[in-house]
Amino acid sequence: MALRITEFFGFTPLDPAAASYVAGLSCPFVDSACLKPRHGACSVMPLELGEPVICCPNRMYGEGFRALEDIAKDVFGSDCILIKPSDANARKLGVGAPLTGKEVVVFGKYWGNELPLPRPKGVKANKASAYYVDWILAKLTSSGELEEIIAVEVQTIDTTGNYSDQAKQFFKGEAYARNNARNPGYSEAGMNWENVNKRILPQLIYKGHVLRREEKCLKGLFFVCPKQVYDRIRDRLGGAMHSYRPQPGSITFRSYELGPQGLPGTHRTMTLHGQFTTTVDQVALAVASRVIVDALPEQLGPL
């Protein structure tokens, strides 16, 4: 395992444009505190891949929350407008521009309150038992009534090992050089790909089933992730997944990849890499099938 930091507080390490963000431990993509201020890495490059992997969720909100806007425009039309809940309330009260029926209210961190998923009957309401999706996009009518919602979950990937040695040098404004190491310029760390199986897919199955019961959730759950996570999910689920249109009980997987390093003082661009839609049932069946297949050699013993 070996990786190096490719984006440090939003920029190529040691880019002078990052200085104010490094000093303030802040994120340039959401104009708020950095989620991982001890190392400030937005993306890293594993040696074996040779391409940057987004490792911070806030990095997925680059270009003005483009990932959310892309989904909203695909689902609700290219002329829709994303607004905050406070703006929607003001418009309903006649303050500011009137509602036109093109507004999509965004509920989630940095925009407005996160909304918990409905609890099963008999489960008492408390924060510890609440499940959340990262974003709810709510389409309003011109009279302010709720027309439709879509749910969006955003995940990146965790790392294993430690690359704080690189961050320490970058915080000092110094280049990182590990000339005596087996892989110069890289730390002995890696990507926690197993989280796809242990955490990400089980959560999507549960949340997808919950959202299926929501009357206004007509296009299901959207899952946004980096290209490399998307590729591993597709590998994990197998190549025989049936494709569906977005509908109640569906999961739409959307992935983004980072473009090449640009001029100093600029961010790497984000490009839509892939998308496919299937159902919660198809995902659950594929996961269960793989669990059984993976367990067979151990259960059967040596042949």
C-alpha atoms as a PDB file:
ATOM      1  CA  MET A   1       0.000   0.000   0.000  1.00  0.00           C
ATOM      2  CA  ALA A   2       1.222   3.468  -0.880  1.00  0.00           C
ATOM      3  CA  LEU A   3      -0.437   6.778  -1.667  1.00  0.00           C
ATOM      4  CA  ARG A   4       0.270  10.481  -1.924  1.00  0.00           C
ATOM      5  CA  ILE A   5      -1.900  13.552  -1.387  1.00  0.00           C
ATOM      6  CA  THR A   6      -2.952  15.117  -4.687  1.00  0.00           C
ATOM      7  CA  GLU A   7      -5.205  17.873  -3.297  1.00  0.00           C
ATOM      8  CA  PHE A   8      -4.383  19.689  -0.067  1.00  0.00           C
ATOM      9  CA  PHE A   9      -7.173  22.025   1.084  1.00  0.00           C
ATOM     10  CA  GLY A  10      -8.512  22.035  -2.465  1.00  0.00           C
ATOM     11  CA  PHE A  11      -5.312  22.705  -4.389  1.00  0.00           C
ATOM     12  CA  THR A  12      -2.149  20.964  -5.478  1.00  0.00           C
ATOM     13  CA  PRO A  13       0.094  20.748  -2.395  1.00  0.00           C
ATOM     14  CA  LEU A  14       2.129  23.925  -1.845  1.00  0.00           C
ATOM     15  CA  ASP A  15       0.015  25.977  -4.291  1.00  0.00           C
ATOM     16  CA  PRO A  16       0.045  29.530  -2.831  1.00  0.00           C
ATOM     17  CA  ALA A  17      -3.697  29.825  -3.593  1.00  0.00           C
ATOM     18  CA  ALA A  18      -4.369  27.378  -0.747  1.00  0.00           C
ATOM     19  CA  ALA A  19      -2.542  29.417   1.896  1.00  0.00           C
ATOM     20  CA  SER A  20      -5.605  31.081   3.437  1.00  0.00           C
ATOM     21  CA  TYR A  21      -7.519  27.792   3.545  1.00  0.00           C
ATOM     22  CA  VAL A  22      -4.570  25.986   5.143  1.00  0.00           C
ATOM     23  CA  ALA A  23      -4.183  28.728   7.735  1.00  0.00           C
ATOM     24  CA  GLY A  24      -7.900  28.722   8.545  1.00  0.00           C
ATOM     25  CA  LEU A  25      -8.311  24.928   8.246  1.00  0.00           C
ATOM     26  CA  SER A  26     -11.232  25.625   5.940  1.00  0.00           C
ATOM     27  CA  CYS A  27     -12.716  23.984   2.865  1.00  0.00           C
ATOM     28  CA  PRO A  28     -12.820  25.948  -0.406  1.00  0.00           C
ATOM     29  CA  PHE A  29     -15.636  23.808  -1.807  1.00  0.00           C
ATOM     30  CA  VAL A  30     -18.300  24.501   0.844  1.00  0.00           C
ATOM     31  CA  ASP A  31     -16.933  27.672   2.462  1.00  0.00           C
ATOM     32  CA  SER A  32     -16.850  26.022   5.875  1.00  0.00           C
ATOM     33  CA  ALA A  33     -14.480  24.184   8.218  1.00  0.00           C
ATOM     34  CA  CYS A  34     -12.432  21.340   6.756  1.00  0.00           C
ATOM     35  CA  LEU A  35     -13.852  17.934   7.700  1.00  0.00           C
ATOM     36  CA  LYS A  36     -10.385  16.458   8.175  1.00  0.00           C
ATOM     37  CA  PRO A  37      -8.239  19.379   9.340  1.00  0.00           C
ATOM     38  CA  ARG A  38      -5.383  17.225  10.616  1.00  0.00           C
ATOM     39  CA  HIS A  39      -4.372  16.206   7.109  1.00  0.00           C
ATOM     40  CA  GLY A  40      -6.432  18.424   4.774  1.00  0.00           C
ATOM     41  CA  ALA A  41      -6.526  15.870   1.966  1.00  0.00           C
ATOM     42  CA  CYS A  42      -9.365  16.176  -0.549  1.00  0.00           C
ATOM     43  CA  SER A  43      -8.050  13.494  -2.874  1.00  0.00           C
ATOM     44  CA  VAL A  44      -5.174  11.044  -2.845  1.00  0.00           C
ATOM     45  CA  MET A  45      -3.455   8.932  -5.471  1.00  0.00           C
ATOM     46  CA  PRO A  46      -2.833   5.258  -4.674  1.00  0.00           C
ATOM     47  CA  LEU A  47       0.337   4.044  -6.324  1.00  0.00           C
ATOM     48  CA  GLU A  48      -1.387   1.064  -7.914  1.00  0.00           C
ATOM     49  CA  LEU A  49      -4.087   3.191  -9.580  1.00  0.00           C
ATOM     50  CA  GLY A  50      -2.120   6.165 -10.816  1.00  0.00           C
ATOM     51  CA  GLU A  51      -5.198   8.405 -10.685  1.00  0.00           C
ATOM     52  CA  PRO A  52      -6.646  10.641  -7.958  1.00  0.00           C
ATOM     53  CA  VAL A  53      -9.347   9.223  -5.689  1.00  0.00           C
ATOM     54  CA  ILE A  54     -11.680  11.621  -3.859  1.00  0.00           C
ATOM     55  CA  CYS A  55     -11.455  10.827  -0.141  1.00  0.00           C
ATOM     56  CA  CYS A  56     -13.477  13.697   1.378  1.00  0.00           C
ATOM     57  CA  PRO A  57     -17.259  14.060   0.908  1.00  0.00           C
ATOM     58  CA  ASN A  58     -17.017  17.855   0.689  1.00  0.00           C
ATOM     59  CA  ARG A  59     -14.840  17.467  -2.408  1.00  0.00           C
ATOM     60  CA  MET A  60     -17.887  15.970  -4.141  1.00  0.00           C
ATOM     61  CA  TYR A  61     -19.600  19.367  -3.759  1.00  0.00           C
ATOM     62  CA  GLY A  62     -17.119  21.178  -5.956  1.00  0.00           C
ATOM     63  CA  GLU A  63     -18.183  23.605  -8.681  1.00  0.00           C
ATOM     64  CA  GLY A  64     -21.020  24.993  -6.601  1.00  0.00           C
ATOM     65  CA  PHE A  65     -22.605  21.681  -5.547  1.00  0.00           C
ATOM     66  CA  ARG A  66     -22.652  20.625  -9.173  1.00  0.00           C
ATOM     67  CA  ALA A  67     -23.433  16.973  -8.347  1.00  0.00           C
ATOM     68  CA  LEU A  68     -26.733  17.988  -6.707  1.00  0.00           C
ATOM     69  CA  GLU A  69     -27.606  20.393  -9.486  1.00  0.00           C
ATOM     70  CA  ASP A  70     -26.936  17.726 -12.129  1.00  0.00           C
ATOM     71  CA  ILE A  71     -29.361  15.314 -10.467  1.00  0.00           C
ATOM     72  CA  ALA A  72     -32.034  17.982  -9.956  1.00  0.00           C
ATOM     73  CA  LYS A  73     -31.868  19.031 -13.604  1.00  0.00           C
ATOM     74  CA  ASP A  74     -32.017  15.421 -14.815  1.00  0.00           C
ATOM     75  CA  VAL A  75     -35.064  14.658 -12.672  1.00  0.00           C
ATOM     76  CA  PHE A  76     -36.978  17.939 -12.518  1.00  0.00           C
ATOM     77  CA  GLY A  77     -35.917  19.633 -15.736  1.00  0.00           C
ATOM     78  CA  SER A  78     -33.024  21.778 -16.910  1.00  0.00           C
ATOM     79  CA  ASP A  79     -34.778  24.989 -15.857  1.00  0.00           C
ATOM     80  CA  CYS A  80     -35.157  24.070 -12.164  1.00  0.00           C
ATOM     81  CA  ILE A  81     -33.583  26.288  -9.501  1.00  0.00           C
ATOM     82  CA  LEU A  82     -32.013  25.083  -6.256  1.00  0.00           C
ATOM     83  CA  ILE A  83     -32.968  27.191  -3.204  1.00  0.00           C
ATOM     84  CA  LYS A  84     -32.547  26.985   0.564  1.00  0.00           C
ATOM     85  CA  PRO A  85     -35.479  26.173   2.895  1.00  0.00           C
ATOM     86  CA  SER A  86     -35.299  29.696   4.336  1.00  0.00           C
ATOM     87  CA  ASP A  87     -35.669  31.149   0.841  1.00  0.00           C
ATOM     88  CA  ALA A  88     -38.637  28.887   0.128  1.00  0.00           C
ATOM     89  CA  ASN A  89     -40.372  29.989   3.337  1.00  0.00           C
ATOM     90  CA  ALA A  90     -39.793  33.633   2.505  1.00  0.00           C
ATOM     91  CA  ARG A  91     -41.251  33.218  -0.962  1.00  0.00           C
ATOM     92  CA  LYS A  92     -44.298  31.455   0.454  1.00  0.00           C
ATOM     93  CA  LEU A  93     -44.840  34.465   2.716  1.00  0.00           C
ATOM     94  CA  GLY A  94     -44.589  36.819  -0.226  1.00  0.00           C
ATOM     95  CA  VAL A  95     -41.110  38.085   0.568  1.00  0.00           C
ATOM     96  CA  GLY A  96     -38.916  38.367  -2.506  1.00  0.00           C
ATOM     97  CA  ALA A  97     -39.596  36.720  -5.848  1.00  0.00           C
ATOM     98  CA  PRO A  98     -42.759  34.593  -6.050  1.00  0.00           C
ATOM     99  CA  LEU A  99     -42.619  30.834  -6.541  1.00  0.00           C
ATOM    100  CA  THR A 100     -42.728  29.753 -10.175  1.00  0.00           C
ATOM    101  CA  GLY A 101     -42.955  25.962  -9.885  1.00  0.00           C
ATOM    102  CA  LYS A 102     -39.316  25.589 -10.900  1.00  0.00           C
ATOM    103  CA  GLU A 103     -37.911  25.744  -7.374  1.00  0.00           C
ATOM    104  CA  VAL A 104     -36.238  22.743  -5.741  1.00  0.00           C
ATOM    105  CA  VAL A 105     -35.656  23.098  -1.999  1.00  0.00           C
ATOM    106  CA  VAL A 106     -32.407  21.542  -0.806  1.00  0.00           C
ATOM    107  CA  PHE A 107     -32.389  19.985   2.663  1.00  0.00           C
ATOM    108  CA  GLY A 108     -28.943  18.992   3.884  1.00  0.00           C
ATOM    109  CA  LYS A 109     -25.752  20.224   5.471  1.00  0.00           C
ATOM    110  CA  TYR A 110     -24.685  23.719   4.348  1.00  0.00           C
ATOM    111  CA  TRP A 111     -28.153  24.392   2.842  1.00  0.00           C
ATOM    112  CA  GLY A 112     -30.698  23.671   5.566  1.00  0.00           C
ATOM    113  CA  ASN A 113     -31.680  21.097   8.148  1.00  0.00           C
ATOM    114  CA  GLU A 114     -31.037  17.429   7.431  1.00  0.00           C
ATOM    115  CA  LEU A 115     -34.252  15.406   7.405  1.00  0.00           C
ATOM    116  CA  PRO A 116     -34.391  11.997   9.145  1.00  0.00           C
ATOM    117  CA  LEU A 117     -35.922   9.043   7.365  1.00  0.00           C
ATOM    118  CA  PRO A 118     -39.271   7.819   8.748  1.00  0.00           C
ATOM    119  CA  ARG A 119     -38.891   5.298  11.563  1.00  0.00           C
ATOM    120  CA  PRO A 120     -40.622   1.932  11.516  1.00  0.00           C
ATOM    121  CA  LYS A 121     -43.746   1.709  13.644  1.00  0.00           C
ATOM    122  CA  GLY A 122     -43.001   1.103  17.297  1.00  0.00           C
ATOM    123  CA  VAL A 123     -39.560   2.744  17.222  1.00  0.00           C
ATOM    124  CA  LYS A 124     -39.443   5.729  19.549  1.00  0.00           C
ATOM    125  CA  ALA A 125     -38.242   9.029  18.180  1.00  0.00           C
ATOM    126  CA  ASN A 126     -34.732   9.837  19.345  1.00  0.00           C
ATOM    127  CA  LYS A 127     -31.638  11.049  17.587  1.00  0.00           C
ATOM    128  CA  ALA A 128     -29.688   7.881  18.272  1.00  0.00           C
ATOM    129  CA  SER A 129     -32.187   5.737  16.355  1.00  0.00           C
ATOM    130  CA  ALA A 130     -32.613   8.182  13.461  1.00  0.00           C
ATOM    131  CA  TYR A 131     -31.381   7.423   9.960  1.00  0.00           C
ATOM    132  CA  TYR A 132     -30.569  10.247   7.586  1.00  0.00           C
ATOM    133  CA  VAL A 133     -29.850  10.628   3.933  1.00  0.00           C
ATOM    134  CA  ASP A 134     -27.396  13.371   3.102  1.00  0.00           C
ATOM    135  CA  TRP A 135     -29.783  15.339   0.908  1.00  0.00           C
ATOM    136  CA  ILE A 136     -33.477  15.673   0.179  1.00  0.00           C
ATOM    137  CA  LEU A 137     -34.356  17.652  -2.955  1.00  0.00           C
ATOM    138  CA  ALA A 138     -37.991  18.762  -2.766  1.00  0.00           C
ATOM    139  CA  LYS A 139     -39.760  20.095  -5.861  1.00  0.00           C
ATOM    140  CA  LEU A 140     -42.433  22.708  -5.111  1.00  0.00           C
ATOM    141  CA  THR A 141     -45.439  23.807  -7.116  1.00  0.00           C
ATOM    142  CA  SER A 142     -46.065  27.475  -7.838  1.00  0.00           C
ATOM    143  CA  SER A 143     -48.471  27.506  -4.861  1.00  0.00           C
ATOM    144  CA  GLY A 144     -45.789  26.157  -2.522  1.00  0.00           C
ATOM    145  CA  GLU A 145     -47.111  22.602  -2.288  1.00  0.00           C
ATOM    146  CA  LEU A 146     -44.755  19.632  -2.268  1.00  0.00           C
ATOM    147  CA  GLU A 147     -44.799  17.962  -5.676  1.00  0.00           C
ATOM    148  CA  GLU A 148     -42.021  15.375  -5.488  1.00  0.00           C
ATOM    149  CA  ILE A 149     -38.830  14.528  -3.596  1.00  0.00           C
ATOM    150  CA  ILE A 150     -35.637  12.711  -4.408  1.00  0.00           C
ATOM    151  CA  ALA A 151     -33.088  11.492  -1.884  1.00  0.00           C
ATOM    152  CA  VAL A 152     -29.343  11.728  -2.459  1.00  0.00           C
ATOM    153  CA  GLU A 153     -26.610   9.933  -0.548  1.00  0.00           C
ATOM    154  CA  VAL A 154     -22.972  10.994  -1.056  1.00  0.00           C
ATOM    155  CA  GLN A 155     -20.034   8.769  -0.116  1.00  0.00           C
ATOM    156  CA  THR A 156     -16.345   8.774  -0.844  1.00  0.00           C
ATOM    157  CA  ILE A 157     -13.874   6.238   0.550  1.00  0.00           C
ATOM    158  CA  ASP A 158     -11.794   6.033   3.715  1.00  0.00           C
ATOM    159  CA  THR A 159      -8.098   5.351   3.871  1.00  0.00           C
ATOM    160  CA  THR A 160      -6.142   2.822   5.867  1.00  0.00           C
ATOM    161  CA  GLY A 161      -2.752   3.480   7.372  1.00  0.00           C
ATOM    162  CA  ASN A 162      -1.314   6.927   7.954  1.00  0.00           C
ATOM    163  CA  TYR A 163      -0.117   9.693   5.659  1.00  0.00           C
ATOM    164  CA  SER A 164       0.205  12.449   8.248  1.00  0.00           C
ATOM    165  CA  ASP A 165       3.912  12.644   7.397  1.00  0.00           C
ATOM    166  CA  GLN A 166       2.958  14.300   4.099  1.00  0.00           C
ATOM    167  CA  ALA A 167       0.459  16.672   5.727  1.00  0.00           C
ATOM    168  CA  LYS A 168       3.020  17.801   8.312  1.00  0.00           C
ATOM    169  CA  GLN A 169       5.424  18.844   5.572  1.00  0.00           C
ATOM    170  CA  PHE A 170       2.713  20.647   3.593  1.00  0.00           C
ATOM    171  CA  PHE A 171       1.560  22.531   6.687  1.00  0.00           C
ATOM    172  CA  LYS A 172       5.154  23.770   7.006  1.00  0.00           C
ATOM    173  CA  GLY A 173       5.139  24.837   3.357  1.00  0.00           C
ATOM    174  CA  GLU A 174       7.719  22.211   2.497  1.00  0.00           C
ATOM    175  CA  ALA A 175       7.751  19.545  -0.180  1.00  0.00           C
ATOM    176  CA  TYR A 176       7.408  15.926   0.874  1.00  0.00           C
ATOM    177  CA  ALA A 177      10.290  13.700  -0.150  1.00  0.00           C
ATOM    178  CA  ARG A 178      10.791  10.232   1.194  1.00  0.00           C
ATOM    179  CA  ASN A 179      13.890   9.361  -0.754  1.00  0.00           C
ATOM    180  CA  ASN A 180      14.903   6.410   1.390  1.00  0.00           C
ATOM    181  CA  ALA A 181      11.515   4.739   1.132  1.00  0.00           C
ATOM    182  CA  ARG A 182      10.564   1.977  -1.246  1.00  0.00           C
ATOM    183  CA  ASN A 183       8.179   4.406  -2.978  1.00  0.00           C
ATOM    184  CA  PRO A 184       9.624   7.950  -2.897  1.00  0.00           C
ATOM    185  CA  GLY A 185       6.994  10.621  -2.361  1.00  0.00           C
ATOM    186  CA  TYR A 186       4.404   8.137  -1.092  1.00  0.00           C
ATOM    187  CA  SER A 187       3.256   7.195   2.417  1.00  0.00           C
ATOM    188  CA  GLU A 188       2.579   3.628   3.485  1.00  0.00           C
ATOM    189  CA  ALA A 189      -1.204   3.937   3.410  1.00  0.00           C
ATOM    190  CA  GLY A 190      -4.016   2.652   1.229  1.00  0.00           C
ATOM    191  CA  MET A 191      -7.731   2.737   0.461  1.00  0.00           C
ATOM    192  CA  ASN A 192     -10.344   0.931   2.553  1.00  0.00           C
ATOM    193  CA  TRP A 193     -12.180  -0.687  -0.370  1.00  0.00           C
ATOM    194  CA  GLU A 194     -13.770  -3.240   1.949  1.00  0.00           C
ATOM    195  CA  ASN A 195     -16.092  -0.485   3.184  1.00  0.00           C
ATOM    196  CA  VAL A 196     -18.038  -0.928  -0.045  1.00  0.00           C
ATOM    197  CA  ASN A 197     -19.134  -4.358   1.167  1.00  0.00           C
ATOM    198  CA  LYS A 198     -19.310  -3.762   4.913  1.00  0.00           C
ATOM    199  CA  ARG A 199     -20.927  -0.347   5.145  1.00  0.00           C
ATOM    200  CA  ILE A 200     -21.950   1.342   1.901  1.00  0.00           C
ATOM    201  CA  LEU A 201     -24.074  -1.327   0.229  1.00  0.00           C
ATOM    202  CA  PRO A 202     -25.949  -2.424   3.407  1.00  0.00           C
ATOM    203  CA  GLN A 203     -26.828   1.219   4.168  1.00  0.00           C
ATOM    204  CA  LEU A 204     -28.093   1.792   0.628  1.00  0.00           C
ATOM    205  CA  ILE A 205     -30.298  -1.290   0.783  1.00  0.00           C
ATOM    206  CA  TYR A 206     -31.853  -0.197   4.076  1.00  0.00           C
ATOM    207  CA  LYS A 207     -32.405   3.415   3.047  1.00  0.00           C
ATOM    208  CA  GLY A 208     -33.728   2.374  -0.338  1.00  0.00           C
ATOM    209  CA  HIS A 209     -36.379   0.187   1.309  1.00  0.00           C
ATOM    210  CA  VAL A 210     -37.392   3.014   3.661  1.00  0.00           C
ATOM    211  CA  LEU A 211     -37.696   5.527   0.829  1.00  0.00           C
ATOM    212  CA  ARG A 212     -39.819   3.135  -1.200  1.00  0.00           C
ATOM    213  CA  ARG A 213     -42.623   3.759   1.287  1.00  0.00           C
ATOM    214  CA  GLU A 214     -42.517   7.521   0.724  1.00  0.00           C
ATOM    215  CA  GLU A 215     -45.442   8.560  -1.470  1.00  0.00           C
ATOM    216  CA  LYS A 216     -43.641  11.557  -2.993  1.00  0.00           C
ATOM    217  CA  CYS A 217     -40.331   9.771  -3.613  1.00  0.00           C
ATOM    218  CA  LEU A 218     -41.079   8.816  -7.214  1.00  0.00           C
ATOM    219  CA  LYS A 219     -37.506   8.383  -8.511  1.00  0.00           C
ATOM    220  CA  GLY A 220     -35.941   6.486  -5.624  1.00  0.00           C
ATOM    221  CA  LEU A 221     -32.519   6.997  -4.071  1.00  0.00           C
ATOM    222  CA  PHE A 222     -29.522   8.535  -5.846  1.00  0.00           C
ATOM    223  CA  PHE A 223     -26.038   7.543  -4.728  1.00  0.00           C
ATOM    224  CA  VAL A 224     -23.128   9.811  -5.696  1.00  0.00           C
ATOM    225  CA  CYS A 225     -19.561   8.575  -5.332  1.00  0.00           C
ATOM    226  CA  PRO A 226     -16.080   8.739  -6.869  1.00  0.00           C
ATOM    227  CA  LYS A 227     -15.353   6.771 -10.029  1.00  0.00           C
ATOM    228  CA  GLN A 228     -13.263   4.168  -8.223  1.00  0.00           C
ATOM    229  CA  VAL A 229     -16.021   3.409  -5.672  1.00  0.00           C
ATOM    230  CA  TYR A 230     -18.569   3.128  -8.467  1.00  0.00           C
ATOM    231  CA  ASP A 231     -16.346   0.661 -10.355  1.00  0.00           C
ATOM    232  CA  ARG A 232     -15.938  -1.505  -7.261  1.00  0.00           C
ATOM    233  CA  ILE A 233     -19.658  -1.459  -6.564  1.00  0.00           C
ATOM    234  CA  ARG A 234     -20.353  -2.639 -10.093  1.00  0.00           C
ATOM    235  CA  ASP A 235     -17.732  -5.365  -9.727  1.00  0.00           C
ATOM    236  CA  ARG A 236     -19.172  -6.401  -6.375  1.00  0.00           C
ATOM    237  CA  LEU A 237     -22.735  -6.559  -7.667  1.00  0.00           C
ATOM    238  CA  GLY A 238     -21.728  -8.465 -10.790  1.00  0.00           C
ATOM    239  CA  GLY A 239     -22.355  -7.869 -14.456  1.00  0.00           C
ATOM    240  CA  ALA A 240     -25.859  -9.311 -14.600  1.00  0.00           C
ATOM    241  CA  MET A 241     -27.639  -6.424 -12.891  1.00  0.00           C
ATOM    242  CA  HIS A 242     -30.908  -5.465 -14.597  1.00  0.00           C
ATOM    243  CA  SER A 243     -31.183  -1.820 -15.588  1.00  0.00           C
ATOM    244  CA  TYR A 244     -34.311   0.181 -14.716  1.00  0.00           C
ATOM    245  CA  ARG A 245     -35.528   3.722 -15.063  1.00  0.00           C
ATOM    246  CA  PRO A 246     -35.604   5.770 -11.826  1.00  0.00           C
ATOM    247  CA  GLN A 247     -38.767   4.810  -9.937  1.00  0.00           C
ATOM    248  CA  PRO A 248     -39.979   4.119  -6.381  1.00  0.00           C
ATOM    249  CA  GLY A 249     -37.627   1.553  -4.852  1.00  0.00           C
ATOM    250  CA  SER A 250     -34.780   2.201  -7.285  1.00  0.00           C
ATOM    251  CA  ILE A 251     -31.166   3.163  -6.654  1.00  0.00           C
ATOM    252  CA  THR A 252     -29.337   5.287  -9.209  1.00  0.00           C
ATOM    253  CA  PHE A 253     -25.557   5.127  -8.926  1.00  0.00           C
ATOM    254  CA  ARG A 254     -23.744   8.206 -10.257  1.00  0.00           C
ATOM    255  CA  SER A 255     -19.987   8.680 -10.221  1.00  0.00           C
ATOM    256  CA  TYR A 256     -17.575  11.531 -10.807  1.00  0.00           C
ATOM    257  CA  GLU A 257     -13.869  11.598 -11.547  1.00  0.00           C
ATOM    258  CA  LEU A 258     -11.327  14.382 -11.233  1.00  0.00           C
ATOM    259  CA  GLY A 259      -9.725  15.922 -14.277  1.00  0.00           C
ATOM    260  CA  PRO A 260      -5.980  16.502 -14.686  1.00  0.00           C
ATOM    261  CA  GLN A 261      -4.062  19.030 -12.643  1.00  0.00           C
ATOM    262  CA  GLY A 262      -4.691  22.498 -14.045  1.00  0.00           C
ATOM    263  CA  LEU A 263      -2.925  25.821 -13.774  1.00  0.00           C
ATOM    264  CA  PRO A 264      -1.726  26.993 -10.348  1.00  0.00           C
ATOM    265  CA  GLY A 265      -4.533  28.525  -8.321  1.00  0.00           C
ATOM    266  CA  THR A 266      -7.239  26.381  -9.936  1.00  0.00           C
ATOM    267  CA  HIS A 267      -9.197  23.323  -8.819  1.00  0.00           C
ATOM    268  CA  ARG A 268      -9.348  20.099 -10.763  1.00  0.00           C
ATOM    269  CA  THR A 269     -12.622  19.767 -12.661  1.00  0.00           C
ATOM    270  CA  MET A 270     -15.217  17.095 -11.896  1.00  0.00           C
ATOM    271  CA  THR A 271     -16.592  14.981 -14.752  1.00  0.00           C
ATOM    272  CA  LEU A 272     -19.539  12.594 -14.706  1.00  0.00           C
ATOM    273  CA  HIS A 273     -18.008   9.139 -15.140  1.00  0.00           C
ATOM    274  CA  GLY A 274     -20.940   6.736 -15.128  1.00  0.00           C
ATOM    275  CA  GLN A 275     -24.517   6.059 -14.093  1.00  0.00           C
ATOM    276  CA  PHE A 276     -26.788   3.091 -13.817  1.00  0.00           C
ATOM    277  CA  THR A 277     -30.149   2.534 -12.171  1.00  0.00           C
ATOM    278  CA  THR A 278     -31.423  -0.681 -10.653  1.00  0.00           C
ATOM    279  CA  THR A 279     -33.778  -1.621  -7.838  1.00  0.00           C
ATOM    280  CA  VAL A 280     -33.172  -2.116  -4.140  1.00  0.00           C
ATOM    281  CA  ASP A 281     -34.262  -5.728  -4.538  1.00  0.00           C
ATOM    282  CA  GLN A 282     -31.708  -6.336  -7.291  1.00  0.00           C
ATOM    283  CA  VAL A 283     -28.926  -4.876  -5.141  1.00  0.00           C
ATOM    284  CA  ALA A 284     -29.978  -6.913  -2.095  1.00  0.00           C
ATOM    285  CA  LEU A 285     -30.133 -10.104  -4.171  1.00  0.00           C
ATOM    286  CA  ALA A 286     -26.720  -9.455  -5.704  1.00  0.00           C
ATOM    287  CA  VAL A 287     -25.139  -8.753  -2.308  1.00  0.00           C
ATOM    288  CA  ALA A 288     -26.672 -11.875  -0.774  1.00  0.00           C
ATOM    289  CA  SER A 289     -25.534 -13.986  -3.720  1.00  0.00           C
ATOM    290  CA  ARG A 290     -21.981 -12.742  -3.440  1.00  0.00           C
ATOM    291  CA  VAL A 291     -21.922 -13.392   0.312  1.00  0.00           C
ATOM    292  CA  ILE A 292     -22.959 -16.999  -0.338  1.00  0.00           C
ATOM    293  CA  VAL A 293     -20.448 -17.451  -3.162  1.00  0.00           C
ATOM    294  CA  ASP A 294     -17.611 -15.927  -1.131  1.00  0.00           C
ATOM    295  CA  ALA A 295     -18.409 -18.196   1.810  1.00  0.00           C
ATOM    296  CA  LEU A 296     -18.581 -21.438  -0.186  1.00  0.00           C
ATOM    297  CA  PRO A 297     -14.840 -22.220  -0.349  1.00  0.00           C
ATOM    298  CA  GLU A 298     -14.547 -21.859   3.441  1.00  0.00           C
ATOM    299  CA  GLN A 299     -17.709 -23.867   4.105  1.00  0.00           C
ATOM    300  CA  LEU A 300     -16.811 -26.677   1.697  1.00  0.00           C
ATOM    301  CA  GLY A 301     -13.192 -26.920   2.694  1.00  0.00           C
ATOM    302  CA  PRO A 302     -10.412 -28.160   0.395  1.00  0.00           C
ATOM    303  CA  LEU A 303     -11.546 -30.272  -2.566  1.00  0.00           C
END
